[in-house]
C-alpha atoms as a PDB file:
ATOM      1  CA  MET A   1       0.115   0.175  -0.100  1.00  0.00           C
ATOM      2  CA  THR A   2       1.392   3.312  -1.410  1.00  0.00           C
ATOM      3  CA  MET A   3      -0.361   6.628   0.387  1.00  0.00           C
ATOM      4  CA  LEU A   4       2.553   8.788  -0.987  1.00  0.00           C
ATOM      5  CA  GLU A   5       3.829   9.774  -4.135  1.00  0.00           C
ATOM      6  CA  GLU A   6       7.592  11.407  -4.339  1.00  0.00           C
ATOM      7  CA  SER A   7       5.732  14.850  -4.720  1.00  0.00           C
ATOM      8  CA  ASP A   8       3.543  14.434  -2.099  1.00  0.00           C
ATOM      9  CA  VAL A   9       6.380  13.326   0.650  1.00  0.00           C
ATOM     10  CA  ALA A  10       8.023  17.068  -1.455  1.00  0.00           C
ATOM     11  CA  GLU A  11       5.402  19.100  -0.739  1.00  0.00           C
ATOM     12  CA  LEU A  12       5.392  18.095   2.804  1.00  0.00           C
ATOM     13  CA  LEU A  13       9.003  18.282   3.624  1.00  0.00           C
ATOM     14  CA  ALA A  14       8.933  22.326   1.572  1.00  0.00           C
ATOM     15  CA  PHE A  15       5.846  23.288   4.047  1.00  0.00           C
ATOM     16  CA  LEU A  16       7.669  21.650   6.867  1.00  0.00           C
ATOM     17  CA  VAL A  17      10.974  23.605   6.087  1.00  0.00           C
ATOM     18  CA  THR A  18       9.510  26.705   5.101  1.00  0.00           C
ATOM     19  CA  ALA A  19       7.546  26.395   8.602  1.00  0.00           C
ATOM     20  CA  ALA A  20      10.727  26.080  10.244  1.00  0.00           C
ATOM     21  CA  ARG A  21      11.650  29.206   8.923  1.00  0.00           C
ATOM     22  CA  THR A  22       9.005  31.661   9.114  1.00  0.00           C
ATOM     23  CA  GLN A  23       8.934  30.487  13.182  1.00  0.00           C
ATOM     24  CA  THR A  24      11.651  31.949  13.671  1.00  0.00           C
ATOM     25  CA  ASP A  25      10.045  35.057  13.230  1.00  0.00           C
ATOM     26  CA  GLU A  26       6.715  34.225  13.649  1.00  0.00           C
ATOM     27  CA  ALA A  27       4.822  34.030  17.444  1.00  0.00           C
ATOM     28  CA  PRO A  28       5.032  31.295  19.242  1.00  0.00           C
ATOM     29  CA  GLU A  29       1.452  30.073  19.181  1.00  0.00           C
ATOM     30  CA  TYR A  30       2.010  30.030  15.145  1.00  0.00           C
ATOM     31  CA  GLY A  31       4.180  26.668  15.782  1.00  0.00           C
ATOM     32  CA  PRO A  32       1.480  24.504  17.062  1.00  0.00           C
ATOM     33  CA  LEU A  33      -0.568  25.498  14.273  1.00  0.00           C
ATOM     34  CA  ARG A  34       2.138  24.923  11.647  1.00  0.00           C
ATOM     35  CA  LEU A  35       2.467  21.167  12.696  1.00  0.00           C
ATOM     36  CA  MET A  36      -1.475  20.281  12.632  1.00  0.00           C
ATOM     37  CA  THR A  37      -1.531  22.288   9.122  1.00  0.00           C
ATOM     38  CA  ALA A  38       1.508  19.684   8.226  1.00  0.00           C
ATOM     39  CA  ALA A  39      -0.404  16.410  10.369  1.00  0.00           C
ATOM     40  CA  ALA A  40      -4.213  17.126   8.316  1.00  0.00           C
ATOM     41  CA  ARG A  41      -2.020  17.685   4.886  1.00  0.00           C
ATOM     42  CA  LEU A  42      -0.424  14.236   5.677  1.00  0.00           C
ATOM     43  CA  ALA A  43      -4.419  12.961   7.255  1.00  0.00           C
ATOM     44  CA  ASP A  44      -5.568  13.950   3.738  1.00  0.00           C
ATOM     45  CA  LYS A  45      -3.541  11.824   1.807  1.00  0.00           C
ATOM     46  CA  VAL A  46      -4.674   8.658   3.570  1.00  0.00           C
ATOM     47  CA  GLY A  47      -7.756   8.670   1.744  1.00  0.00           C
ATOM     48  CA  ASP A  48      -9.463   5.196   1.298  1.00  0.00           C
ATOM     49  CA  GLN A  49      -5.711   3.675   1.001  1.00  0.00           C
ATOM     50  CA  GLY A  50      -4.985   2.965   4.699  1.00  0.00           C
ATOM     51  CA  SER A  51      -7.189   0.991   7.038  1.00  0.00           C
ATOM     52  CA  ALA A  52     -10.620   1.505   8.762  1.00  0.00           C
ATOM     53  CA  ALA A  53      -8.460   2.754  12.386  1.00  0.00           C
ATOM     54  CA  LEU A  54      -6.326   5.020   9.977  1.00  0.00           C
ATOM     55  CA  GLN A  55      -9.353   5.737   7.786  1.00  0.00           C
ATOM     56  CA  ALA A  56     -10.798   6.983  11.309  1.00  0.00           C
ATOM     57  CA  LEU A  57      -7.715   9.193  12.997  1.00  0.00           C
ATOM     58  CA  ALA A  58      -6.844  10.766   9.253  1.00  0.00           C
ATOM     59  CA  THR A  59     -10.918  12.342   9.339  1.00  0.00           C
ATOM     60  CA  GLU A  60     -10.375  13.123  13.362  1.00  0.00           C
ATOM     61  CA  ILE A  61      -7.405  14.845  12.210  1.00  0.00           C
ATOM     62  CA  LEU A  62      -8.431  16.929   9.386  1.00  0.00           C
ATOM     63  CA  ALA A  63     -11.911  17.441  12.114  1.00  0.00           C
ATOM     64  CA  PHE A  64      -9.438  19.830  14.414  1.00  0.00           C
ATOM     65  CA  PRO A  65     -10.147  23.661  14.152  1.00  0.00           C
ATOM     66  CA  PRO A  66      -7.489  25.000  11.626  1.00  0.00           C
ATOM     67  CA  THR A  67      -7.742  28.405  13.224  1.00  0.00           C
ATOM     68  CA  LEU A  68      -7.652  27.566  16.413  1.00  0.00           C
ATOM     69  CA  THR A  69      -4.371  28.372  18.168  1.00  0.00           C
ATOM     70  CA  PRO A  70      -3.406  28.149  22.328  1.00  0.00           C
ATOM     71  CA  ALA A  71      -3.639  32.101  21.763  1.00  0.00           C
ATOM     72  CA  VAL A  72      -7.398  31.926  20.888  1.00  0.00           C
ATOM     73  CA  ASP A  73      -8.281  29.434  23.826  1.00  0.00           C
ATOM     74  CA  ALA A  74      -5.427  27.417  25.280  1.00  0.00           C
ATOM     75  CA  ASP A  75      -7.316  25.249  27.892  1.00  0.00           C
ATOM     76  CA  THR A  76      -9.796  24.531  24.674  1.00  0.00           C
ATOM     77  CA  TYR A  77      -6.935  23.858  22.033  1.00  0.00           C
ATOM     78  CA  ARG A  78      -4.648  21.632  24.825  1.00  0.00           C
ATOM     79  CA  ALA A  79      -7.666  19.443  25.627  1.00  0.00           C
ATOM     80  CA  GLN A  80      -8.031  18.929  21.939  1.00  0.00           C
ATOM     81  CA  LEU A  81      -4.412  17.810  21.098  1.00  0.00           C
ATOM     82  CA  ASP A  82      -4.673  15.914  24.611  1.00  0.00           C
ATOM     83  CA  ALA A  83      -7.469  14.031  22.936  1.00  0.00           C
ATOM     84  CA  LEU A  84      -5.789  13.610  19.494  1.00  0.00           C
ATOM     85  CA  CYS A  85      -2.680  12.087  21.505  1.00  0.00           C
ATOM     86  CA  GLU A  86      -4.736   9.543  22.871  1.00  0.00           C
ATOM     87  CA  HIS A  87      -6.511   8.380  19.637  1.00  0.00           C
ATOM     88  CA  LEU A  88      -3.270   8.216  18.241  1.00  0.00           C
ATOM     89  CA  ALA A  89      -2.069   6.526  20.993  1.00  0.00           C
ATOM     90  CA  ASP A  90      -4.444   3.906  21.038  1.00  0.00           C
ATOM     91  CA  TYR A  91      -4.170   3.099  17.247  1.00  0.00           C
ATOM     92  CA  LEU A  92      -0.323   2.725  17.104  1.00  0.00           C
ATOM     93  CA  LEU A  93      -0.790  -0.061  20.778  1.00  0.00           C
ATOM     94  CA  THR A  94      -3.456  -1.617  18.681  1.00  0.00           C
ATOM     95  CA  THR A  95      -1.743  -2.359  15.404  1.00  0.00           C
ATOM     96  CA  ASN A  96       1.263  -1.925  16.615  1.00  0.00           C
ATOM     97  CA  PRO A  97       1.460  -4.305  19.582  1.00  0.00           C
ATOM     98  CA  ALA A  98       5.077  -4.892  21.723  1.00  0.00           C
ATOM     99  CA  SER A  99       5.905  -8.532  20.980  1.00  0.00           C
END
C-alpha cells in the first residue's frame, strides 16, 4: 500500500522546512498551528488507502479546527490535542502491539 507519491513527500517536506524558517520570525503560538497543518496535509493523503482505523484517525485530524490556536483558547486547544494524542496512542498500540 502506497499512500504517498514522491511529489507528496516533497510538498510536505517543503511545508515543514519553510514553516520552520518562518517560525523563527513568528509568534510562538503559530508553531502548533503549523504542525497541525502538516498533520492535516498528511492525513488528507490517507484517503481510502489506509485501514479503517487509520482512516478514522485521519478523519479526526482533519476535523481539528484549523484556526484554533493556543492564543485563542489555550485550554480548549490543549484538551483537543490531548484527546487526539490519546487516539493516536490507541491506534499505535492496537496496530503495533509489543512482541
